[in-house]
Amino acid sequence: MRSVPDRMRHALLFEILALAIVIPVGGYLFNLQESAMGVIGLGSAITATVWNYCYNHLFDHTMMRLFKTTQKTVVLRVIHTCLFEGGLQIVLLPAIALYLRTSLAETFSLTLSIALFYLVYAFFFNWAYDRLFPIPLLPAGSGRQAASL
């Protein structure tokens, strides 16, 4: 299992790198001022950071209970990412529509584009993060993993 400091590092790195991409690209693609896209991006990042911490904590505990490990296969990583994004969209779509003063239908293409970006981004970011900051295994037979920083 990952430690609290490791989970915090993960969430912050994830959101900072994503914002550096989403704000300028999203503003350009959707013809929004960077300040508006910045509010959307920052609001989404704050929401996603809280959701990221809670969701990953619950997902890892569930994996430990079911599989006695938090190591994720490619299939589990895809499931993990899709469930994360689906839960996040339930909150973000109405919030962004309200901020932009547009209908849910009009806002859907923006939130769908952001979600698709994050689906791909999350998969590769998390894969890289797991390799850069692996969870050390305890000696054989213990059935548990050591926390990492």
N, C-alpha and C. Protein backbone atom coordinates (compact mmCIF):
# COMPACT_ATOMS: atom_id res chain seq x y z
N MET A 1 0.85 -1.18 0.00
CA MET A 1 0.00 0.00 0.00
C MET A 1 0.90 1.24 0.00
N ARG A 2 0.42 2.28 -0.61
CA ARG A 2 1.16 3.54 -0.66
C ARG A 2 0.91 4.34 0.61
N SER A 3 1.93 5.10 1.00
CA SER A 3 1.83 5.94 2.19
C SER A 3 1.06 7.22 1.86
N VAL A 4 0.65 7.94 2.90
CA VAL A 4 -0.04 9.21 2.70
C VAL A 4 0.86 10.21 1.95
N PRO A 5 2.13 10.38 2.32
CA PRO A 5 2.97 11.32 1.55
C PRO A 5 3.12 10.91 0.08
N ASP A 6 3.21 9.61 -0.18
CA ASP A 6 3.31 9.14 -1.56
C ASP A 6 2.03 9.43 -2.32
N ARG A 7 0.88 9.22 -1.71
CA ARG A 7 -0.40 9.52 -2.35
C ARG A 7 -0.52 11.02 -2.64
N MET A 8 -0.04 11.84 -1.72
CA MET A 8 -0.09 13.29 -1.93
C MET A 8 0.82 13.71 -3.08
N ARG A 9 2.04 13.15 -3.13
CA ARG A 9 2.96 13.44 -4.23
C ARG A 9 2.34 13.04 -5.56
N HIS A 10 1.74 11.86 -5.59
CA HIS A 10 1.10 11.36 -6.81
C HIS A 10 0.02 12.33 -7.28
N ALA A 11 -0.88 12.70 -6.39
CA ALA A 11 -2.01 13.56 -6.76
C ALA A 11 -1.54 14.93 -7.24
N LEU A 12 -0.59 15.52 -6.53
CA LEU A 12 -0.11 16.85 -6.91
C LEU A 12 0.64 16.84 -8.25
N LEU A 13 1.52 15.88 -8.43
CA LEU A 13 2.23 15.78 -9.71
C LEU A 13 1.25 15.56 -10.87
N PHE A 14 0.30 14.70 -10.64
CA PHE A 14 -0.69 14.40 -11.66
C PHE A 14 -1.42 15.67 -12.10
N GLU A 15 -1.91 16.43 -11.15
CA GLU A 15 -2.72 17.61 -11.46
C GLU A 15 -1.88 18.76 -12.03
N ILE A 16 -0.70 18.99 -11.52
CA ILE A 16 0.15 20.08 -12.02
C ILE A 16 0.51 19.85 -13.49
N LEU A 17 0.93 18.63 -13.81
CA LEU A 17 1.29 18.33 -15.21
C LEU A 17 0.07 18.43 -16.13
N ALA A 18 -1.06 17.94 -15.66
CA ALA A 18 -2.28 17.99 -16.48
C ALA A 18 -2.70 19.43 -16.74
N LEU A 19 -2.67 20.29 -15.71
CA LEU A 19 -3.07 21.69 -15.90
C LEU A 19 -2.17 22.40 -16.90
N ALA A 20 -0.90 22.06 -16.90
CA ALA A 20 0.03 22.68 -17.84
C ALA A 20 -0.34 22.36 -19.29
N ILE A 21 -1.07 21.28 -19.48
CA ILE A 21 -1.52 20.89 -20.82
C ILE A 21 -2.95 21.39 -21.08
N VAL A 22 -3.85 21.15 -20.13
CA VAL A 22 -5.28 21.41 -20.33
C VAL A 22 -5.61 22.89 -20.53
N ILE A 23 -5.02 23.77 -19.76
CA ILE A 23 -5.42 25.18 -19.84
C ILE A 23 -5.14 25.79 -21.21
N PRO A 24 -3.91 25.74 -21.71
CA PRO A 24 -3.70 26.35 -23.03
C PRO A 24 -4.37 25.60 -24.17
N VAL A 25 -4.31 24.28 -24.15
CA VAL A 25 -4.89 23.50 -25.25
C VAL A 25 -6.42 23.59 -25.22
N GLY A 26 -7.03 23.45 -24.04
CA GLY A 26 -8.48 23.53 -23.92
C GLY A 26 -9.01 24.91 -24.31
N GLY A 27 -8.31 25.96 -23.88
CA GLY A 27 -8.72 27.30 -24.27
C GLY A 27 -8.71 27.49 -25.77
N TYR A 28 -7.68 26.99 -26.41
CA TYR A 28 -7.56 27.10 -27.86
C TYR A 28 -8.65 26.29 -28.58
N LEU A 29 -8.80 25.02 -28.19
CA LEU A 29 -9.74 24.14 -28.88
C LEU A 29 -11.20 24.55 -28.70
N PHE A 30 -11.54 25.12 -27.56
CA PHE A 30 -12.94 25.46 -27.28
C PHE A 30 -13.20 26.97 -27.32
N ASN A 31 -12.23 27.69 -27.84
CA ASN A 31 -12.37 29.13 -28.03
C ASN A 31 -12.79 29.83 -26.73
N LEU A 32 -12.13 29.44 -25.64
CA LEU A 32 -12.38 30.06 -24.35
C LEU A 32 -11.15 30.87 -23.96
N GLN A 33 -11.37 31.95 -23.26
CA GLN A 33 -10.23 32.71 -22.75
C GLN A 33 -9.47 31.81 -21.79
N GLU A 34 -8.16 31.98 -21.75
CA GLU A 34 -7.37 31.15 -20.85
C GLU A 34 -7.79 31.34 -19.41
N SER A 35 -8.29 32.53 -19.05
CA SER A 35 -8.75 32.73 -17.67
C SER A 35 -9.95 31.84 -17.38
N ALA A 36 -10.90 31.73 -18.32
CA ALA A 36 -12.06 30.85 -18.12
C ALA A 36 -11.62 29.39 -18.09
N MET A 37 -10.73 29.03 -19.00
CA MET A 37 -10.24 27.65 -19.02
C MET A 37 -9.42 27.38 -17.76
N GLY A 38 -8.75 28.40 -17.26
CA GLY A 38 -7.99 28.26 -16.02
C GLY A 38 -8.91 27.98 -14.84
N VAL A 39 -10.04 28.68 -14.76
CA VAL A 39 -11.01 28.43 -13.69
C VAL A 39 -11.55 27.01 -13.81
N ILE A 40 -11.91 26.62 -15.03
CA ILE A 40 -12.41 25.26 -15.26
C ILE A 40 -11.33 24.24 -14.90
N GLY A 41 -10.12 24.49 -15.38
CA GLY A 41 -9.03 23.56 -15.11
C GLY A 41 -8.70 23.47 -13.64
N LEU A 42 -8.60 24.61 -12.97
CA LEU A 42 -8.26 24.62 -11.55
C LEU A 42 -9.39 24.01 -10.70
N GLY A 43 -10.62 24.38 -11.00
CA GLY A 43 -11.76 23.79 -10.28
C GLY A 43 -11.82 22.29 -10.48
N SER A 44 -11.59 21.87 -11.71
CA SER A 44 -11.58 20.44 -12.01
C SER A 44 -10.42 19.75 -11.29
N ALA A 45 -9.27 20.41 -11.26
CA ALA A 45 -8.09 19.82 -10.61
C ALA A 45 -8.29 19.66 -9.11
N ILE A 46 -8.89 20.66 -8.48
CA ILE A 46 -9.14 20.57 -7.04
C ILE A 46 -10.12 19.42 -6.76
N THR A 47 -11.19 19.39 -7.53
CA THR A 47 -12.18 18.31 -7.38
C THR A 47 -11.52 16.96 -7.64
N ALA A 48 -10.74 16.88 -8.72
CA ALA A 48 -10.09 15.62 -9.07
C ALA A 48 -9.05 15.20 -8.05
N THR A 49 -8.36 16.16 -7.44
CA THR A 49 -7.34 15.82 -6.44
C THR A 49 -7.98 15.16 -5.22
N VAL A 50 -9.07 15.72 -4.76
CA VAL A 50 -9.78 15.13 -3.62
C VAL A 50 -10.31 13.75 -4.01
N TRP A 51 -10.94 13.67 -5.18
CA TRP A 51 -11.47 12.40 -5.66
C TRP A 51 -10.35 11.39 -5.87
N ASN A 52 -9.21 11.84 -6.42
CA ASN A 52 -8.06 10.98 -6.67
C ASN A 52 -7.59 10.31 -5.39
N TYR A 53 -7.42 11.10 -4.35
CA TYR A 53 -6.93 10.56 -3.08
C TYR A 53 -7.92 9.53 -2.53
N CYS A 54 -9.19 9.91 -2.45
CA CYS A 54 -10.21 9.01 -1.88
C CYS A 54 -10.39 7.75 -2.73
N TYR A 55 -10.50 7.94 -4.04
CA TYR A 55 -10.74 6.82 -4.94
C TYR A 55 -9.58 5.83 -4.92
N ASN A 56 -8.34 6.31 -5.03
CA ASN A 56 -7.19 5.40 -5.05
C ASN A 56 -7.03 4.67 -3.72
N HIS A 57 -7.32 5.35 -2.63
CA HIS A 57 -7.26 4.72 -1.31
C HIS A 57 -8.26 3.56 -1.25
N LEU A 58 -9.50 3.82 -1.66
CA LEU A 58 -10.53 2.78 -1.66
C LEU A 58 -10.21 1.66 -2.65
N PHE A 59 -9.72 2.03 -3.84
CA PHE A 59 -9.40 1.04 -4.85
C PHE A 59 -8.29 0.11 -4.35
N ASP A 60 -7.23 0.69 -3.75
CA ASP A 60 -6.12 -0.13 -3.24
C ASP A 60 -6.58 -1.04 -2.10
N HIS A 61 -7.40 -0.53 -1.20
CA HIS A 61 -7.91 -1.37 -0.11
C HIS A 61 -8.76 -2.51 -0.67
N THR A 62 -9.55 -2.22 -1.67
CA THR A 62 -10.36 -3.26 -2.30
C THR A 62 -9.47 -4.30 -2.96
N MET A 63 -8.44 -3.86 -3.66
CA MET A 63 -7.51 -4.80 -4.30
C MET A 63 -6.81 -5.67 -3.26
N MET A 64 -6.38 -5.06 -2.14
CA MET A 64 -5.72 -5.85 -1.10
C MET A 64 -6.68 -6.91 -0.54
N ARG A 65 -7.93 -6.52 -0.33
CA ARG A 65 -8.92 -7.45 0.21
C ARG A 65 -9.19 -8.59 -0.78
N LEU A 66 -9.31 -8.25 -2.05
CA LEU A 66 -9.67 -9.26 -3.05
C LEU A 66 -8.48 -10.06 -3.56
N PHE A 67 -7.34 -9.37 -3.80
CA PHE A 67 -6.21 -10.01 -4.48
C PHE A 67 -4.93 -10.09 -3.66
N LYS A 68 -4.92 -9.48 -2.46
CA LYS A 68 -3.75 -9.46 -1.57
C LYS A 68 -2.55 -8.73 -2.18
N THR A 69 -2.81 -7.81 -3.11
CA THR A 69 -1.77 -6.99 -3.73
C THR A 69 -2.41 -5.74 -4.31
N THR A 70 -1.58 -4.72 -4.53
CA THR A 70 -2.06 -3.52 -5.21
C THR A 70 -1.42 -3.39 -6.59
N GLN A 71 -0.68 -4.41 -7.02
CA GLN A 71 -0.08 -4.39 -8.35
C GLN A 71 -1.20 -4.52 -9.38
N LYS A 72 -1.20 -3.62 -10.35
CA LYS A 72 -2.28 -3.58 -11.34
C LYS A 72 -1.80 -4.08 -12.69
N THR A 73 -2.58 -4.98 -13.27
CA THR A 73 -2.33 -5.41 -14.64
C THR A 73 -2.80 -4.31 -15.58
N VAL A 74 -2.55 -4.45 -16.85
CA VAL A 74 -3.02 -3.47 -17.82
C VAL A 74 -4.55 -3.41 -17.79
N VAL A 75 -5.20 -4.54 -17.72
CA VAL A 75 -6.67 -4.57 -17.69
C VAL A 75 -7.18 -3.87 -16.43
N LEU A 76 -6.59 -4.15 -15.28
CA LEU A 76 -7.01 -3.48 -14.05
C LEU A 76 -6.74 -1.98 -14.11
N ARG A 77 -5.66 -1.58 -14.75
CA ARG A 77 -5.35 -0.15 -14.88
C ARG A 77 -6.40 0.54 -15.75
N VAL A 78 -6.85 -0.11 -16.81
CA VAL A 78 -7.90 0.46 -17.66
C VAL A 78 -9.21 0.59 -16.88
N ILE A 79 -9.59 -0.46 -16.16
CA ILE A 79 -10.80 -0.41 -15.33
C ILE A 79 -10.69 0.69 -14.29
N HIS A 80 -9.55 0.75 -13.62
CA HIS A 80 -9.28 1.76 -12.60
C HIS A 80 -9.46 3.17 -13.16
N THR A 81 -8.89 3.43 -14.31
CA THR A 81 -8.95 4.75 -14.93
C THR A 81 -10.36 5.10 -15.37
N CYS A 82 -11.05 4.16 -15.99
CA CYS A 82 -12.42 4.44 -16.46
C CYS A 82 -13.37 4.72 -15.30
N LEU A 83 -13.29 3.95 -14.23
CA LEU A 83 -14.14 4.19 -13.06
C LEU A 83 -13.83 5.54 -12.42
N PHE A 84 -12.56 5.88 -12.36
CA PHE A 84 -12.18 7.17 -11.80
C PHE A 84 -12.79 8.31 -12.61
N GLU A 85 -12.61 8.29 -13.92
CA GLU A 85 -13.13 9.35 -14.78
C GLU A 85 -14.64 9.42 -14.78
N GLY A 86 -15.31 8.28 -14.77
CA GLY A 86 -16.76 8.27 -14.74
C GLY A 86 -17.31 8.94 -13.49
N GLY A 87 -16.74 8.63 -12.34
CA GLY A 87 -17.17 9.27 -11.10
C GLY A 87 -16.92 10.76 -11.10
N LEU A 88 -15.80 11.16 -11.63
CA LEU A 88 -15.46 12.58 -11.69
C LEU A 88 -16.40 13.35 -12.60
N GLN A 89 -16.80 12.75 -13.71
CA GLN A 89 -17.68 13.44 -14.65
C GLN A 89 -19.07 13.70 -14.08
N ILE A 90 -19.51 12.84 -13.20
CA ILE A 90 -20.81 13.03 -12.56
C ILE A 90 -20.86 14.37 -11.82
N VAL A 91 -19.75 14.79 -11.28
CA VAL A 91 -19.68 16.06 -10.55
C VAL A 91 -19.34 17.22 -11.49
N LEU A 92 -18.40 17.01 -12.40
CA LEU A 92 -17.88 18.13 -13.20
C LEU A 92 -18.84 18.66 -14.27
N LEU A 93 -19.59 17.81 -14.93
CA LEU A 93 -20.47 18.28 -16.01
C LEU A 93 -21.43 19.36 -15.54
N PRO A 94 -22.21 19.15 -14.50
CA PRO A 94 -23.12 20.23 -14.08
C PRO A 94 -22.39 21.46 -13.54
N ALA A 95 -21.26 21.26 -12.88
CA ALA A 95 -20.52 22.40 -12.33
C ALA A 95 -19.96 23.29 -13.44
N ILE A 96 -19.41 22.69 -14.48
CA ILE A 96 -18.85 23.46 -15.59
C ILE A 96 -19.97 24.14 -16.39
N ALA A 97 -21.07 23.44 -16.59
CA ALA A 97 -22.21 24.04 -17.30
C ALA A 97 -22.73 25.26 -16.54
N LEU A 98 -22.79 25.17 -15.25
CA LEU A 98 -23.24 26.30 -14.43
C LEU A 98 -22.26 27.47 -14.54
N TYR A 99 -20.97 27.18 -14.47
CA TYR A 99 -19.96 28.23 -14.58
C TYR A 99 -20.01 28.93 -15.94
N LEU A 100 -20.13 28.16 -17.00
CA LEU A 100 -20.15 28.73 -18.36
C LEU A 100 -21.52 29.28 -18.74
N ARG A 101 -22.52 29.00 -17.90
CA ARG A 101 -23.91 29.41 -18.18
C ARG A 101 -24.39 28.81 -19.51
N THR A 102 -24.11 27.54 -19.66
CA THR A 102 -24.54 26.81 -20.85
C THR A 102 -25.32 25.58 -20.40
N SER A 103 -25.99 24.95 -21.35
CA SER A 103 -26.74 23.74 -21.02
C SER A 103 -25.78 22.56 -20.83
N LEU A 104 -26.31 21.51 -20.22
CA LEU A 104 -25.50 20.29 -20.08
C LEU A 104 -25.11 19.75 -21.44
N ALA A 105 -26.02 19.82 -22.40
CA ALA A 105 -25.73 19.33 -23.76
C ALA A 105 -24.60 20.13 -24.41
N GLU A 106 -24.64 21.47 -24.24
CA GLU A 106 -23.60 22.31 -24.83
C GLU A 106 -22.25 22.09 -24.15
N THR A 107 -22.27 21.79 -22.89
CA THR A 107 -21.04 21.61 -22.12
C THR A 107 -20.46 20.21 -22.29
N PHE A 108 -21.29 19.29 -22.73
CA PHE A 108 -20.87 17.89 -22.81
C PHE A 108 -19.62 17.68 -23.66
N SER A 109 -19.51 18.37 -24.81
CA SER A 109 -18.33 18.16 -25.67
C SER A 109 -17.05 18.61 -24.96
N LEU A 110 -17.14 19.68 -24.19
CA LEU A 110 -15.96 20.13 -23.43
C LEU A 110 -15.59 19.11 -22.36
N THR A 111 -16.57 18.69 -21.56
CA THR A 111 -16.25 17.75 -20.49
C THR A 111 -15.86 16.38 -21.03
N LEU A 112 -16.47 15.98 -22.15
CA LEU A 112 -16.08 14.71 -22.77
C LEU A 112 -14.64 14.79 -23.28
N SER A 113 -14.28 15.90 -23.88
CA SER A 113 -12.90 16.07 -24.36
C SER A 113 -11.91 16.06 -23.21
N ILE A 114 -12.27 16.74 -22.14
CA ILE A 114 -11.39 16.74 -20.96
C ILE A 114 -11.28 15.32 -20.41
N ALA A 115 -12.41 14.62 -20.34
CA ALA A 115 -12.40 13.25 -19.83
C ALA A 115 -11.55 12.33 -20.70
N LEU A 116 -11.67 12.46 -22.01
CA LEU A 116 -10.87 11.62 -22.91
C LEU A 116 -9.39 11.92 -22.76
N PHE A 117 -9.05 13.21 -22.65
CA PHE A 117 -7.66 13.56 -22.40
C PHE A 117 -7.17 12.89 -21.12
N TYR A 118 -7.95 13.04 -20.05
CA TYR A 118 -7.53 12.49 -18.76
C TYR A 118 -7.50 10.97 -18.76
N LEU A 119 -8.36 10.33 -19.53
CA LEU A 119 -8.30 8.86 -19.62
C LEU A 119 -6.94 8.41 -20.13
N VAL A 120 -6.51 9.01 -21.22
CA VAL A 120 -5.22 8.65 -21.80
C VAL A 120 -4.08 9.11 -20.89
N TYR A 121 -4.17 10.36 -20.44
CA TYR A 121 -3.15 10.92 -19.57
C TYR A 121 -3.01 10.12 -18.28
N ALA A 122 -4.13 9.78 -17.64
CA ALA A 122 -4.09 9.04 -16.37
C ALA A 122 -3.46 7.67 -16.55
N PHE A 123 -3.80 7.00 -17.63
CA PHE A 123 -3.22 5.68 -17.88
C PHE A 123 -1.70 5.77 -17.94
N PHE A 124 -1.18 6.67 -18.76
CA PHE A 124 0.26 6.77 -18.93
C PHE A 124 0.95 7.39 -17.72
N PHE A 125 0.34 8.38 -17.10
CA PHE A 125 0.93 8.98 -15.91
C PHE A 125 1.05 7.92 -14.80
N ASN A 126 -0.03 7.19 -14.53
CA ASN A 126 -0.01 6.20 -13.45
C ASN A 126 0.93 5.04 -13.75
N TRP A 127 1.01 4.66 -14.98
CA TRP A 127 1.94 3.60 -15.37
C TRP A 127 3.37 4.07 -15.10
N ALA A 128 3.68 5.28 -15.54
CA ALA A 128 5.02 5.83 -15.30
C ALA A 128 5.29 6.02 -13.81
N TYR A 129 4.30 6.51 -13.09
CA TYR A 129 4.48 6.75 -11.65
C TYR A 129 4.78 5.44 -10.92
N ASP A 130 4.05 4.37 -11.26
CA ASP A 130 4.28 3.08 -10.63
C ASP A 130 5.70 2.56 -10.89
N ARG A 131 6.26 2.92 -12.02
CA ARG A 131 7.62 2.47 -12.33
C ARG A 131 8.67 3.38 -11.69
N LEU A 132 8.40 4.67 -11.63
CA LEU A 132 9.34 5.60 -11.00
C LEU A 132 9.34 5.49 -9.48
N PHE A 133 8.18 5.20 -8.91
CA PHE A 133 8.01 5.10 -7.46
C PHE A 133 7.34 3.77 -7.10
N PRO A 134 8.05 2.66 -7.31
CA PRO A 134 7.43 1.35 -7.05
C PRO A 134 7.18 1.13 -5.56
N ILE A 135 6.24 0.25 -5.28
CA ILE A 135 5.96 -0.15 -3.90
C ILE A 135 6.85 -1.35 -3.61
N PRO A 136 7.80 -1.20 -2.67
CA PRO A 136 8.68 -2.34 -2.35
C PRO A 136 7.88 -3.51 -1.78
N LEU A 137 8.24 -4.70 -2.17
CA LEU A 137 7.58 -5.90 -1.66
C LEU A 137 8.26 -6.34 -0.37
N LEU A 138 7.47 -6.89 0.56
CA LEU A 138 8.01 -7.49 1.77
C LEU A 138 8.54 -8.87 1.43
N PRO A 139 9.29 -9.49 2.32
CA PRO A 139 9.80 -10.84 2.06
C PRO A 139 8.67 -11.81 1.72
N ALA A 140 9.00 -12.84 0.93
CA ALA A 140 8.02 -13.82 0.49
C ALA A 140 7.31 -14.44 1.70
N GLY A 141 6.02 -14.68 1.52
CA GLY A 141 5.25 -15.32 2.57
C GLY A 141 4.49 -14.37 3.46
N SER A 142 4.83 -13.08 3.42
CA SER A 142 4.13 -12.14 4.28
C SER A 142 2.78 -11.73 3.68
N GLY A 143 2.66 -11.82 2.33
CA GLY A 143 1.40 -11.52 1.68
C GLY A 143 1.03 -10.05 1.68
N ARG A 144 1.92 -9.20 2.10
CA ARG A 144 1.63 -7.76 2.16
C ARG A 144 2.77 -7.00 1.50
N GLN A 145 2.51 -5.74 1.20
CA GLN A 145 3.53 -4.88 0.60
C GLN A 145 3.91 -3.81 1.62
N ALA A 146 5.16 -3.36 1.55
CA ALA A 146 5.60 -2.29 2.43
C ALA A 146 5.16 -0.95 1.86
N ALA A 147 4.94 0.00 2.74
CA ALA A 147 4.61 1.36 2.29
C ALA A 147 5.86 2.04 1.74
N SER A 148 5.69 2.85 0.74
CA SER A 148 6.81 3.58 0.18
C SER A 148 6.58 5.06 0.36
N LEU A 149 7.64 5.82 0.28
CA LEU A 149 7.52 7.28 0.37
C LEU A 149 7.38 7.88 -0.98
